[in-house]
Amino acid sequence: SNITNWALKDPRMVFTYPIWCNYLDQHIIIGTIREPLGVANSL
């Protein structure tokens, strides 16, 4: 909250966001997707 125009990412946030959203300053979300096989190959 002491930072002007902050941005945050951690893939785990897909699951923890329902908790974090109660504490973070007003923000917007941008989501990103990738085709399943591309992700599986990369993993």
PDB file of all heavy atoms in Angstrom:
ATOM      1  N   SER A   1       0.818  -1.215   0.000  1.00  0.00           N
ATOM      2  CA  SER A   1       0.000   0.000   0.000  1.00  0.00           C
ATOM      3  C   SER A   1       0.850   1.264   0.000  1.00  0.00           C
ATOM      4  O   SER A   1       0.363   2.345  -0.334  1.00  0.00           O
ATOM      5  CB  SER A   1      -0.956   0.008   1.202  1.00  0.00           C
ATOM      6  OG  SER A   1      -0.239   0.183   2.411  1.00  0.00           O
ATOM      7  N   ASN A   2       2.129   1.118   0.373  1.00  0.00           N
ATOM      8  CA  ASN A   2       3.035   2.262   0.359  1.00  0.00           C
ATOM      9  C   ASN A   2       3.688   2.480  -1.003  1.00  0.00           C
ATOM     10  O   ASN A   2       4.480   3.409  -1.177  1.00  0.00           O
ATOM     11  CB  ASN A   2       4.132   2.075   1.417  1.00  0.00           C
ATOM     12  CG  ASN A   2       3.582   2.101   2.831  1.00  0.00           C
ATOM     13  OD1 ASN A   2       2.676   2.875   3.135  1.00  0.00           O
ATOM     14  ND2 ASN A   2       4.109   1.237   3.688  1.00  0.00           N
ATOM     15  N   ILE A   3       3.372   1.595  -1.960  1.00  0.00           N
ATOM     16  CA  ILE A   3       3.943   1.676  -3.301  1.00  0.00           C
ATOM     17  C   ILE A   3       2.886   2.221  -4.250  1.00  0.00           C
ATOM     18  O   ILE A   3       1.732   1.790  -4.235  1.00  0.00           O
ATOM     19  CB  ILE A   3       4.414   0.286  -3.784  1.00  0.00           C
ATOM     20  CG1 ILE A   3       5.484  -0.277  -2.842  1.00  0.00           C
ATOM     21  CG2 ILE A   3       4.946   0.368  -5.208  1.00  0.00           C
ATOM     22  CD1 ILE A   3       5.896  -1.710  -3.180  1.00  0.00           C
ATOM     23  N   THR A   4       3.272   3.170  -5.062  1.00  0.00           N
ATOM     24  CA  THR A   4       2.368   3.703  -6.085  1.00  0.00           C
ATOM     25  C   THR A   4       2.423   2.820  -7.323  1.00  0.00           C
ATOM     26  O   THR A   4       3.499   2.516  -7.828  1.00  0.00           O
ATOM     27  CB  THR A   4       2.767   5.138  -6.469  1.00  0.00           C
ATOM     28  OG1 THR A   4       2.727   5.954  -5.297  1.00  0.00           O
ATOM     29  CG2 THR A   4       1.823   5.711  -7.516  1.00  0.00           C
ATOM     30  N   ASN A   5       1.274   2.387  -7.803  1.00  0.00           N
ATOM     31  CA  ASN A   5       1.187   1.548  -9.003  1.00  0.00           C
ATOM     32  C   ASN A   5       2.006   0.253  -8.862  1.00  0.00           C
ATOM     33  O   ASN A   5       2.984   0.028  -9.570  1.00  0.00           O
ATOM     34  CB  ASN A   5       1.651   2.311 -10.249  1.00  0.00           C
ATOM     35  CG  ASN A   5       0.738   3.464 -10.599  1.00  0.00           C
ATOM     36  OD1 ASN A   5      -0.428   3.480 -10.232  1.00  0.00           O
ATOM     37  ND2 ASN A   5       1.269   4.433 -11.311  1.00  0.00           N
ATOM     38  N   TRP A   6       1.596  -0.580  -7.917  1.00  0.00           N
ATOM     39  CA  TRP A   6       2.279  -1.855  -7.770  1.00  0.00           C
ATOM     40  C   TRP A   6       1.637  -2.925  -8.667  1.00  0.00           C
ATOM     41  O   TRP A   6       0.484  -2.809  -9.072  1.00  0.00           O
ATOM     42  CB  TRP A   6       2.301  -2.327  -6.318  1.00  0.00           C
ATOM     43  CG  TRP A   6       0.988  -2.443  -5.590  1.00  0.00           C
ATOM     44  CD1 TRP A   6       0.478  -1.571  -4.686  1.00  0.00           C
ATOM     45  CD2 TRP A   6       0.025  -3.507  -5.679  1.00  0.00           C
ATOM     46  NE1 TRP A   6      -0.738  -1.998  -4.212  1.00  0.00           N
ATOM     47  CE2 TRP A   6      -1.041  -3.194  -4.803  1.00  0.00           C
ATOM     48  CE3 TRP A   6      -0.047  -4.684  -6.410  1.00  0.00           C
ATOM     49  CZ2 TRP A   6      -2.158  -4.018  -4.647  1.00  0.00           C
ATOM     50  CZ3 TRP A   6      -1.167  -5.514  -6.260  1.00  0.00           C
ATOM     51  CH2 TRP A   6      -2.200  -5.177  -5.393  1.00  0.00           C
ATOM     52  N   ALA A   7       2.434  -3.945  -8.970  1.00  0.00           N
ATOM     53  CA  ALA A   7       1.943  -5.110  -9.711  1.00  0.00           C
ATOM     54  C   ALA A   7       2.501  -6.356  -9.050  1.00  0.00           C
ATOM     55  O   ALA A   7       3.598  -6.336  -8.485  1.00  0.00           O
ATOM     56  CB  ALA A   7       2.356  -5.047 -11.178  1.00  0.00           C
ATOM     57  N   LEU A   8       1.764  -7.427  -9.115  1.00  0.00           N
ATOM     58  CA  LEU A   8       2.083  -8.628  -8.350  1.00  0.00           C
ATOM     59  C   LEU A   8       1.723  -9.863  -9.153  1.00  0.00           C
ATOM     60  O   LEU A   8       0.665  -9.910  -9.783  1.00  0.00           O
ATOM     61  CB  LEU A   8       1.285  -8.609  -7.037  1.00  0.00           C
ATOM     62  CG  LEU A   8       1.325  -9.828  -6.130  1.00  0.00           C
ATOM     63  CD1 LEU A   8       2.727 -10.002  -5.568  1.00  0.00           C
ATOM     64  CD2 LEU A   8       0.312  -9.650  -5.000  1.00  0.00           C
ATOM     65  N   LYS A   9       2.614 -10.851  -9.132  1.00  0.00           N
ATOM     66  CA  LYS A   9       2.268 -12.132  -9.746  1.00  0.00           C
ATOM     67  C   LYS A   9       2.915 -13.292  -8.991  1.00  0.00           C
ATOM     68  O   LYS A   9       4.041 -13.188  -8.486  1.00  0.00           O
ATOM     69  CB  LYS A   9       2.675 -12.162 -11.216  1.00  0.00           C
ATOM     70  CG  LYS A   9       4.138 -12.485 -11.492  1.00  0.00           C
ATOM     71  CD  LYS A   9       4.382 -13.963 -11.805  1.00  0.00           C
ATOM     72  CE  LYS A   9       5.826 -14.209 -12.186  1.00  0.00           C
ATOM     73  NZ  LYS A   9       6.146 -15.635 -12.361  1.00  0.00           N
ATOM     74  N   ASP A  10       2.175 -14.341  -8.872  1.00  0.00           N
ATOM     75  CA  ASP A  10       2.644 -15.629  -8.386  1.00  0.00           C
ATOM     76  C   ASP A  10       1.563 -16.612  -8.802  1.00  0.00           C
ATOM     77  O   ASP A  10       0.407 -16.468  -8.388  1.00  0.00           O
ATOM     78  CB  ASP A  10       2.822 -15.625  -6.866  1.00  0.00           C
ATOM     79  CG  ASP A  10       3.211 -16.997  -6.324  1.00  0.00           C
ATOM     80  OD1 ASP A  10       3.530 -17.902  -7.132  1.00  0.00           O
ATOM     81  OD2 ASP A  10       3.198 -17.181  -5.088  1.00  0.00           O
ATOM     82  N   PRO A  11       1.880 -17.613  -9.626  1.00  0.00           N
ATOM     83  CA  PRO A  11       0.841 -18.547 -10.074  1.00  0.00           C
ATOM     84  C   PRO A  11       0.015 -19.151  -8.937  1.00  0.00           C
ATOM     85  O   PRO A  11      -1.174 -19.442  -9.110  1.00  0.00           O
ATOM     86  CB  PRO A  11       1.644 -19.617 -10.817  1.00  0.00           C
ATOM     87  CG  PRO A  11       2.817 -18.870 -11.359  1.00  0.00           C
ATOM     88  CD  PRO A  11       3.171 -17.883 -10.273  1.00  0.00           C
ATOM     89  N   ARG A  12       0.614 -19.307  -7.762  1.00  0.00           N
ATOM     90  CA  ARG A  12      -0.109 -19.857  -6.617  1.00  0.00           C
ATOM     91  C   ARG A  12      -1.287 -18.964  -6.214  1.00  0.00           C
ATOM     92  O   ARG A  12      -2.225 -19.408  -5.555  1.00  0.00           O
ATOM     93  CB  ARG A  12       0.847 -20.020  -5.436  1.00  0.00           C
ATOM     94  CG  ARG A  12       2.021 -20.958  -5.694  1.00  0.00           C
ATOM     95  CD  ARG A  12       3.156 -20.707  -4.698  1.00  0.00           C
ATOM     96  NE  ARG A  12       4.361 -21.450  -5.012  1.00  0.00           N
ATOM     97  CZ  ARG A  12       5.266 -21.076  -5.936  1.00  0.00           C
ATOM     98  NH1 ARG A  12       5.083 -19.967  -6.619  1.00  0.00           N
ATOM     99  NH2 ARG A  12       6.327 -21.809  -6.164  1.00  0.00           N
ATOM    100  N   MET A  13      -1.209 -17.697  -6.620  1.00  0.00           N
ATOM    101  CA  MET A  13      -2.251 -16.740  -6.273  1.00  0.00           C
ATOM    102  C   MET A  13      -3.601 -17.127  -6.877  1.00  0.00           C
ATOM    103  O   MET A  13      -4.651 -16.656  -6.415  1.00  0.00           O
ATOM    104  CB  MET A  13      -1.836 -15.339  -6.735  1.00  0.00           C
ATOM    105  CG  MET A  13      -2.697 -14.203  -6.231  1.00  0.00           C
ATOM    106  SD  MET A  13      -2.411 -13.789  -4.486  1.00  0.00           S
ATOM    107  CE  MET A  13      -0.875 -12.881  -4.607  1.00  0.00           C
ATOM    108  N   VAL A  14      -3.592 -17.970  -7.905  1.00  0.00           N
ATOM    109  CA  VAL A  14      -4.860 -18.470  -8.455  1.00  0.00           C
ATOM    110  C   VAL A  14      -5.681 -19.119  -7.344  1.00  0.00           C
ATOM    111  O   VAL A  14      -6.912 -19.033  -7.328  1.00  0.00           O
ATOM    112  CB  VAL A  14      -4.593 -19.460  -9.606  1.00  0.00           C
ATOM    113  CG1 VAL A  14      -5.877 -20.165 -10.037  1.00  0.00           C
ATOM    114  CG2 VAL A  14      -3.966 -18.736 -10.796  1.00  0.00           C
ATOM    115  N   PHE A  15      -5.000 -19.753  -6.399  1.00  0.00           N
ATOM    116  CA  PHE A  15      -5.691 -20.424  -5.297  1.00  0.00           C
ATOM    117  C   PHE A  15      -5.741 -19.582  -4.024  1.00  0.00           C
ATOM    118  O   PHE A  15      -6.654 -19.757  -3.214  1.00  0.00           O
ATOM    119  CB  PHE A  15      -5.013 -21.773  -5.003  1.00  0.00           C
ATOM    120  CG  PHE A  15      -5.296 -22.800  -6.057  1.00  0.00           C
ATOM    121  CD1 PHE A  15      -4.499 -22.881  -7.192  1.00  0.00           C
ATOM    122  CD2 PHE A  15      -6.381 -23.647  -5.957  1.00  0.00           C
ATOM    123  CE1 PHE A  15      -4.771 -23.798  -8.195  1.00  0.00           C
ATOM    124  CE2 PHE A  15      -6.676 -24.559  -6.950  1.00  0.00           C
ATOM    125  CZ  PHE A  15      -5.869 -24.634  -8.075  1.00  0.00           C
ATOM    126  N   THR A  16      -4.799 -18.689  -3.842  1.00  0.00           N
ATOM    127  CA  THR A  16      -4.762 -17.922  -2.593  1.00  0.00           C
ATOM    128  C   THR A  16      -5.404 -16.545  -2.717  1.00  0.00           C
ATOM    129  O   THR A  16      -5.592 -15.866  -1.704  1.00  0.00           O
ATOM    130  CB  THR A  16      -3.304 -17.754  -2.105  1.00  0.00           C
ATOM    131  OG1 THR A  16      -2.563 -16.978  -3.069  1.00  0.00           O
ATOM    132  CG2 THR A  16      -2.633 -19.109  -1.925  1.00  0.00           C
ATOM    133  N   TYR A  17      -5.756 -16.130  -3.928  1.00  0.00           N
ATOM    134  CA  TYR A  17      -6.337 -14.806  -4.122  1.00  0.00           C
ATOM    135  C   TYR A  17      -7.586 -14.558  -3.264  1.00  0.00           C
ATOM    136  O   TYR A  17      -7.754 -13.449  -2.739  1.00  0.00           O
ATOM    137  CB  TYR A  17      -6.673 -14.571  -5.593  1.00  0.00           C
ATOM    138  CG  TYR A  17      -7.321 -13.229  -5.844  1.00  0.00           C
ATOM    139  CD1 TYR A  17      -6.555 -12.062  -5.843  1.00  0.00           C
ATOM    140  CD2 TYR A  17      -8.690 -13.112  -6.041  1.00  0.00           C
ATOM    141  CE1 TYR A  17      -7.140 -10.824  -6.041  1.00  0.00           C
ATOM    142  CE2 TYR A  17      -9.287 -11.872  -6.234  1.00  0.00           C
ATOM    143  CZ  TYR A  17      -8.509 -10.737  -6.231  1.00  0.00           C
ATOM    144  OH  TYR A  17      -9.090  -9.508  -6.416  1.00  0.00           O
ATOM    145  N   PRO A  18      -8.477 -15.535  -3.091  1.00  0.00           N
ATOM    146  CA  PRO A  18      -9.653 -15.273  -2.250  1.00  0.00           C
ATOM    147  C   PRO A  18      -9.315 -14.800  -0.842  1.00  0.00           C
ATOM    148  O   PRO A  18     -10.124 -14.128  -0.200  1.00  0.00           O
ATOM    149  CB  PRO A  18     -10.375 -16.630  -2.225  1.00  0.00           C
ATOM    150  CG  PRO A  18     -10.003 -17.259  -3.532  1.00  0.00           C
ATOM    151  CD  PRO A  18      -8.558 -16.862  -3.734  1.00  0.00           C
ATOM    152  N   ILE A  19      -8.112 -15.128  -0.365  1.00  0.00           N
ATOM    153  CA  ILE A  19      -7.666 -14.633   0.938  1.00  0.00           C
ATOM    154  C   ILE A  19      -7.008 -13.262   0.786  1.00  0.00           C
ATOM    155  O   ILE A  19      -7.338 -12.303   1.491  1.00  0.00           O
ATOM    156  CB  ILE A  19      -6.703 -15.632   1.602  1.00  0.00           C
ATOM    157  CG1 ILE A  19      -7.467 -16.916   1.964  1.00  0.00           C
ATOM    158  CG2 ILE A  19      -6.041 -15.025   2.847  1.00  0.00           C
ATOM    159  CD1 ILE A  19      -6.598 -18.054   2.429  1.00  0.00           C
ATOM    160  N   TRP A  20      -6.098 -13.142  -0.170  1.00  0.00           N
ATOM    161  CA  TRP A  20      -5.360 -11.893  -0.367  1.00  0.00           C
ATOM    162  C   TRP A  20      -6.275 -10.726  -0.718  1.00  0.00           C
ATOM    163  O   TRP A  20      -6.012  -9.584  -0.320  1.00  0.00           O
ATOM    164  CB  TRP A  20      -4.319 -12.069  -1.472  1.00  0.00           C
ATOM    165  CG  TRP A  20      -3.061 -12.744  -1.041  1.00  0.00           C
ATOM    166  CD1 TRP A  20      -2.714 -14.042  -1.288  1.00  0.00           C
ATOM    167  CD2 TRP A  20      -1.977 -12.173  -0.311  1.00  0.00           C
ATOM    168  NE1 TRP A  20      -1.480 -14.313  -0.746  1.00  0.00           N
ATOM    169  CE2 TRP A  20      -1.014 -13.185  -0.151  1.00  0.00           C
ATOM    170  CE3 TRP A  20      -1.743 -10.912   0.215  1.00  0.00           C
ATOM    171  CZ2 TRP A  20       0.190 -12.954   0.528  1.00  0.00           C
ATOM    172  CZ3 TRP A  20      -0.547 -10.686   0.890  1.00  0.00           C
ATOM    173  CH2 TRP A  20       0.397 -11.709   1.037  1.00  0.00           C
ATOM    174  N   CYS A  21      -7.321 -10.967  -1.468  1.00  0.00           N
ATOM    175  CA  CYS A  21      -8.149  -9.865  -1.956  1.00  0.00           C
ATOM    176  C   CYS A  21      -8.804  -9.078  -0.819  1.00  0.00           C
ATOM    177  O   CYS A  21      -9.205  -7.927  -1.012  1.00  0.00           O
ATOM    178  CB  CYS A  21      -9.211 -10.366  -2.936  1.00  0.00           C
ATOM    179  SG  CYS A  21     -10.514 -11.361  -2.203  1.00  0.00           S
ATOM    180  N   ASN A  22      -8.903  -9.678   0.342  1.00  0.00           N
ATOM    181  CA  ASN A  22      -9.477  -8.980   1.496  1.00  0.00           C
ATOM    182  C   ASN A  22      -8.503  -7.995   2.141  1.00  0.00           C
ATOM    183  O   ASN A  22      -8.907  -7.190   2.988  1.00  0.00           O
ATOM    184  CB  ASN A  22      -9.921 -10.007   2.549  1.00  0.00           C
ATOM    185  CG  ASN A  22     -11.013 -10.920   2.039  1.00  0.00           C
ATOM    186  OD1 ASN A  22     -11.969 -10.462   1.426  1.00  0.00           O
ATOM    187  ND2 ASN A  22     -10.867 -12.219   2.263  1.00  0.00           N
ATOM    188  N   TYR A  23      -7.238  -8.058   1.756  1.00  0.00           N
ATOM    189  CA  TYR A  23      -6.207  -7.247   2.399  1.00  0.00           C
ATOM    190  C   TYR A  23      -5.520  -6.263   1.453  1.00  0.00           C
ATOM    191  O   TYR A  23      -4.934  -5.280   1.911  1.00  0.00           O
ATOM    192  CB  TYR A  23      -5.143  -8.164   3.031  1.00  0.00           C
ATOM    193  CG  TYR A  23      -5.679  -8.974   4.183  1.00  0.00           C
ATOM    194  CD1 TYR A  23      -6.301 -10.202   3.958  1.00  0.00           C
ATOM    195  CD2 TYR A  23      -5.597  -8.502   5.487  1.00  0.00           C
ATOM    196  CE1 TYR A  23      -6.820 -10.938   5.013  1.00  0.00           C
ATOM    197  CE2 TYR A  23      -6.104  -9.237   6.554  1.00  0.00           C
ATOM    198  CZ  TYR A  23      -6.720 -10.456   6.302  1.00  0.00           C
ATOM    199  OH  TYR A  23      -7.241 -11.179   7.341  1.00  0.00           O
ATOM    200  N   LEU A  24      -5.578  -6.526   0.161  1.00  0.00           N
ATOM    201  CA  LEU A  24      -4.869  -5.691  -0.796  1.00  0.00           C
ATOM    202  C   LEU A  24      -5.667  -4.450  -1.155  1.00  0.00           C
ATOM    203  O   LEU A  24      -6.902  -4.476  -1.208  1.00  0.00           O
ATOM    204  CB  LEU A  24      -4.567  -6.493  -2.062  1.00  0.00           C
ATOM    205  CG  LEU A  24      -3.591  -7.663  -1.885  1.00  0.00           C
ATOM    206  CD1 LEU A  24      -3.558  -8.516  -3.146  1.00  0.00           C
ATOM    207  CD2 LEU A  24      -2.189  -7.153  -1.549  1.00  0.00           C
ATOM    208  N   ASP A  25      -4.937  -3.370  -1.435  1.00  0.00           N
ATOM    209  CA  ASP A  25      -5.575  -2.143  -1.904  1.00  0.00           C
ATOM    210  C   ASP A  25      -6.343  -2.414  -3.193  1.00  0.00           C
ATOM    211  O   ASP A  25      -6.153  -3.444  -3.853  1.00  0.00           O
ATOM    212  CB  ASP A  25      -4.509  -1.066  -2.176  1.00  0.00           C
ATOM    213  CG  ASP A  25      -3.954  -0.479  -0.888  1.00  0.00           C
ATOM    214  OD1 ASP A  25      -4.552  -0.687   0.179  1.00  0.00           O
ATOM    215  OD2 ASP A  25      -2.896   0.185  -0.962  1.00  0.00           O
ATOM    216  N   GLN A  26      -7.184  -1.454  -3.552  1.00  0.00           N
ATOM    217  CA  GLN A  26      -7.961  -1.583  -4.787  1.00  0.00           C
ATOM    218  C   GLN A  26      -7.036  -1.906  -5.962  1.00  0.00           C
ATOM    219  O   GLN A  26      -5.994  -1.293  -6.136  1.00  0.00           O
ATOM    220  CB  GLN A  26      -8.729  -0.287  -5.066  1.00  0.00           C
ATOM    221  CG  GLN A  26      -9.667  -0.392  -6.250  1.00  0.00           C
ATOM    222  CD  GLN A  26     -10.513   0.858  -6.409  1.00  0.00           C
ATOM    223  OE1 GLN A  26     -10.360   1.825  -5.658  1.00  0.00           O
ATOM    224  NE2 GLN A  26     -11.394   0.844  -7.376  1.00  0.00           N
ATOM    225  N   HIS A  27      -7.436  -2.857  -6.777  1.00  0.00           N
ATOM    226  CA  HIS A  27      -6.593  -3.330  -7.867  1.00  0.00           C
ATOM    227  C   HIS A  27      -7.456  -3.915  -8.969  1.00  0.00           C
ATOM    228  O   HIS A  27      -8.648  -4.170  -8.777  1.00  0.00           O
ATOM    229  CB  HIS A  27      -5.613  -4.390  -7.357  1.00  0.00           C
ATOM    230  CG  HIS A  27      -6.305  -5.570  -6.725  1.00  0.00           C
ATOM    231  ND1 HIS A  27      -6.615  -5.599  -5.380  1.00  0.00           N
ATOM    232  CD2 HIS A  27      -6.781  -6.732  -7.248  1.00  0.00           C
ATOM    233  CE1 HIS A  27      -7.238  -6.737  -5.100  1.00  0.00           C
ATOM    234  NE2 HIS A  27      -7.356  -7.445  -6.218  1.00  0.00           N
ATOM    235  N   ILE A  28      -6.827  -4.120 -10.104  1.00  0.00           N
ATOM    236  CA  ILE A  28      -7.496  -4.847 -11.178  1.00  0.00           C
ATOM    237  C   ILE A  28      -6.707  -6.138 -11.439  1.00  0.00           C
ATOM    238  O   ILE A  28      -5.537  -6.256 -11.061  1.00  0.00           O
ATOM    239  CB  ILE A  28      -7.630  -3.992 -12.463  1.00  0.00           C
ATOM    240  CG1 ILE A  28      -6.256  -3.610 -13.020  1.00  0.00           C
ATOM    241  CG2 ILE A  28      -8.453  -2.758 -12.188  1.00  0.00           C
ATOM    242  CD1 ILE A  28      -5.861  -4.419 -14.207  1.00  0.00           C
ATOM    243  N   ILE A  29      -7.364  -7.090 -12.072  1.00  0.00           N
ATOM    244  CA  ILE A  29      -6.746  -8.376 -12.394  1.00  0.00           C
ATOM    245  C   ILE A  29      -6.577  -8.479 -13.897  1.00  0.00           C
ATOM    246  O   ILE A  29      -7.447  -8.061 -14.664  1.00  0.00           O
ATOM    247  CB  ILE A  29      -7.626  -9.544 -11.904  1.00  0.00           C
ATOM    248  CG1 ILE A  29      -7.773  -9.525 -10.382  1.00  0.00           C
ATOM    249  CG2 ILE A  29      -7.048 -10.893 -12.356  1.00  0.00           C
ATOM    250  CD1 ILE A  29      -8.835 -10.494  -9.870  1.00  0.00           C
ATOM    251  N   ILE A  30      -5.451  -9.033 -14.324  1.00  0.00           N
ATOM    252  CA  ILE A  30      -5.284  -9.469 -15.710  1.00  0.00           C
ATOM    253  C   ILE A  30      -4.903 -10.943 -15.660  1.00  0.00           C
ATOM    254  O   ILE A  30      -3.946 -11.323 -14.979  1.00  0.00           O
ATOM    255  CB  ILE A  30      -4.203  -8.673 -16.453  1.00  0.00           C
ATOM    256  CG1 ILE A  30      -4.498  -7.176 -16.429  1.00  0.00           C
ATOM    257  CG2 ILE A  30      -4.099  -9.160 -17.904  1.00  0.00           C
ATOM    258  CD1 ILE A  30      -3.423  -6.319 -17.079  1.00  0.00           C
ATOM    259  N   GLY A  31      -5.663 -11.779 -16.354  1.00  0.00           N
ATOM    260  CA  GLY A  31      -5.387 -13.200 -16.387  1.00  0.00           C
ATOM    261  C   GLY A  31      -4.638 -13.599 -17.645  1.00  0.00           C
ATOM    262  O   GLY A  31      -4.719 -12.927 -18.670  1.00  0.00           O
ATOM    263  N   THR A  32      -3.885 -14.682 -17.559  1.00  0.00           N
ATOM    264  CA  THR A  32      -3.149 -15.179 -18.710  1.00  0.00           C
ATOM    265  C   THR A  32      -3.336 -16.691 -18.838  1.00  0.00           C
ATOM    266  O   THR A  32      -3.337 -17.408 -17.823  1.00  0.00           O
ATOM    267  CB  THR A  32      -1.653 -14.813 -18.629  1.00  0.00           C
ATOM    268  OG1 THR A  32      -0.953 -15.370 -19.761  1.00  0.00           O
ATOM    269  CG2 THR A  32      -1.014 -15.306 -17.355  1.00  0.00           C
ATOM    270  N   ILE A  33      -3.524 -17.150 -20.062  1.00  0.00           N
ATOM    271  CA  ILE A  33      -3.730 -18.579 -20.319  1.00  0.00           C
ATOM    272  C   ILE A  33      -2.750 -19.054 -21.377  1.00  0.00           C
ATOM    273  O   ILE A  33      -2.155 -18.254 -22.110  1.00  0.00           O
ATOM    274  CB  ILE A  33      -5.168 -18.874 -20.777  1.00  0.00           C
ATOM    275  CG1 ILE A  33      -5.465 -18.159 -22.108  1.00  0.00           C
ATOM    276  CG2 ILE A  33      -6.171 -18.480 -19.701  1.00  0.00           C
ATOM    277  CD1 ILE A  33      -6.778 -18.572 -22.752  1.00  0.00           C
ATOM    278  N   ARG A  34      -2.603 -20.363 -21.454  1.00  0.00           N
ATOM    279  CA  ARG A  34      -1.779 -20.988 -22.494  1.00  0.00           C
ATOM    280  C   ARG A  34      -2.369 -22.347 -22.786  1.00  0.00           C
ATOM    281  O   ARG A  34      -2.917 -23.000 -21.890  1.00  0.00           O
ATOM    282  CB  ARG A  34      -0.334 -21.122 -22.015  1.00  0.00           C
ATOM    283  CG  ARG A  34       0.643 -21.647 -23.074  1.00  0.00           C
ATOM    284  CD  ARG A  34       2.035 -21.780 -22.485  1.00  0.00           C
ATOM    285  NE  ARG A  34       3.011 -22.201 -23.471  1.00  0.00           N
ATOM    286  CZ  ARG A  34       4.293 -22.463 -23.193  1.00  0.00           C
ATOM    287  NH1 ARG A  34       4.731 -22.333 -21.945  1.00  0.00           N
ATOM    288  NH2 ARG A  34       5.124 -22.843 -24.137  1.00  0.00           N
ATOM    289  N   GLU A  35      -2.220 -22.804 -24.018  1.00  0.00           N
ATOM    290  CA  GLU A  35      -2.802 -24.101 -24.383  1.00  0.00           C
ATOM    291  C   GLU A  35      -2.223 -25.211 -23.507  1.00  0.00           C
ATOM    292  O   GLU A  35      -1.052 -25.174 -23.139  1.00  0.00           O
ATOM    293  CB  GLU A  35      -2.579 -24.381 -25.867  1.00  0.00           C
ATOM    294  CG  GLU A  35      -1.148 -24.273 -26.339  1.00  0.00           C
ATOM    295  CD  GLU A  35      -0.692 -25.557 -26.978  1.00  0.00           C
ATOM    296  OE1 GLU A  35      -1.442 -26.545 -26.915  1.00  0.00           O
ATOM    297  OE2 GLU A  35       0.418 -25.576 -27.508  1.00  0.00           O
ATOM    298  N   PRO A  36      -3.036 -26.200 -23.140  1.00  0.00           N
ATOM    299  CA  PRO A  36      -2.627 -27.215 -22.163  1.00  0.00           C
ATOM    300  C   PRO A  36      -1.341 -27.948 -22.513  1.00  0.00           C
ATOM    301  O   PRO A  36      -0.490 -28.163 -21.648  1.00  0.00           O
ATOM    302  CB  PRO A  36      -3.818 -28.181 -22.145  1.00  0.00           C
ATOM    303  CG  PRO A  36      -4.977 -27.377 -22.619  1.00  0.00           C
ATOM    304  CD  PRO A  36      -4.428 -26.386 -23.581  1.00  0.00           C
ATOM    305  N   LEU A  37      -1.190 -28.329 -23.771  1.00  0.00           N
ATOM    306  CA  LEU A  37      -0.016 -29.102 -24.146  1.00  0.00           C
ATOM    307  C   LEU A  37       1.260 -28.277 -24.078  1.00  0.00           C
ATOM    308  O   LEU A  37       2.319 -28.789 -23.707  1.00  0.00           O
ATOM    309  CB  LEU A  37      -0.204 -29.675 -25.555  1.00  0.00           C
ATOM    310  CG  LEU A  37       0.671 -30.881 -25.901  1.00  0.00           C
ATOM    311  CD1 LEU A  37       0.544 -31.971 -24.852  1.00  0.00           C
ATOM    312  CD2 LEU A  37       0.314 -31.413 -27.271  1.00  0.00           C
ATOM    313  N   GLY A  38       1.159 -26.990 -24.406  1.00  0.00           N
ATOM    314  CA  GLY A  38       2.322 -26.119 -24.279  1.00  0.00           C
ATOM    315  C   GLY A  38       2.790 -26.040 -22.833  1.00  0.00           C
ATOM    316  O   GLY A  38       3.993 -26.057 -22.548  1.00  0.00           O
ATOM    317  N   VAL A  39       1.839 -25.954 -21.914  1.00  0.00           N
ATOM    318  CA  VAL A  39       2.173 -25.925 -20.486  1.00  0.00           C
ATOM    319  C   VAL A  39       2.772 -27.256 -20.046  1.00  0.00           C
ATOM    320  O   VAL A  39       3.799 -27.301 -19.356  1.00  0.00           O
ATOM    321  CB  VAL A  39       0.925 -25.601 -19.641  1.00  0.00           C
ATOM    322  CG1 VAL A  39       1.212 -25.788 -18.152  1.00  0.00           C
ATOM    323  CG2 VAL A  39       0.457 -24.178 -19.916  1.00  0.00           C
ATOM    324  N   ALA A  40       2.138 -28.358 -20.446  1.00  0.00           N
ATOM    325  CA  ALA A  40       2.622 -29.683 -20.048  1.00  0.00           C
ATOM    326  C   ALA A  40       4.032 -29.937 -20.574  1.00  0.00           C
ATOM    327  O   ALA A  40       4.887 -30.472 -19.858  1.00  0.00           O
ATOM    328  CB  ALA A  40       1.659 -30.755 -20.556  1.00  0.00           C
ATOM    329  N   ASN A  41       4.287 -29.551 -21.815  1.00  0.00           N
ATOM    330  CA  ASN A  41       5.630 -29.720 -22.376  1.00  0.00           C
ATOM    331  C   ASN A  41       6.657 -28.913 -21.608  1.00  0.00           C
ATOM    332  O   ASN A  41       7.780 -29.365 -21.350  1.00  0.00           O
ATOM    333  CB  ASN A  41       5.639 -29.297 -23.849  1.00  0.00           C
ATOM    334  CG  ASN A  41       4.907 -30.282 -24.746  1.00  0.00           C
ATOM    335  OD1 ASN A  41       4.682 -31.425 -24.376  1.00  0.00           O
ATOM    336  ND2 ASN A  41       4.529 -29.829 -25.930  1.00  0.00           N
ATOM    337  N   SER A  42       6.285 -27.691 -21.236  1.00  0.00           N
ATOM    338  CA  SER A  42       7.193 -26.827 -20.501  1.00  0.00           C
ATOM    339  C   SER A  42       7.462 -27.364 -19.095  1.00  0.00           C
ATOM    340  O   SER A  42       8.592 -27.321 -18.602  1.00  0.00           O
ATOM    341  CB  SER A  42       6.614 -25.410 -20.429  1.00  0.00           C
ATOM    342  OG  SER A  42       7.554 -24.506 -19.902  1.00  0.00           O
ATOM    343  N   LEU A  43       6.426 -27.892 -18.444  1.00  0.00           N
ATOM    344  CA  LEU A  43       6.606 -28.496 -17.123  1.00  0.00           C
ATOM    345  C   LEU A  43       7.519 -29.722 -17.196  1.00  0.00           C
ATOM    346  O   LEU A  43       8.305 -29.979 -16.280  1.00  0.00           O
ATOM    347  CB  LEU A  43       5.248 -28.891 -16.536  1.00  0.00           C
ATOM    348  CG  LEU A  43       4.345 -27.755 -16.062  1.00  0.00           C
ATOM    349  CD1 LEU A  43       2.978 -28.295 -15.664  1.00  0.00           C
ATOM    350  CD2 LEU A  43       4.971 -26.994 -14.896  1.00  0.00           C
TER     351      LEU A  43
END
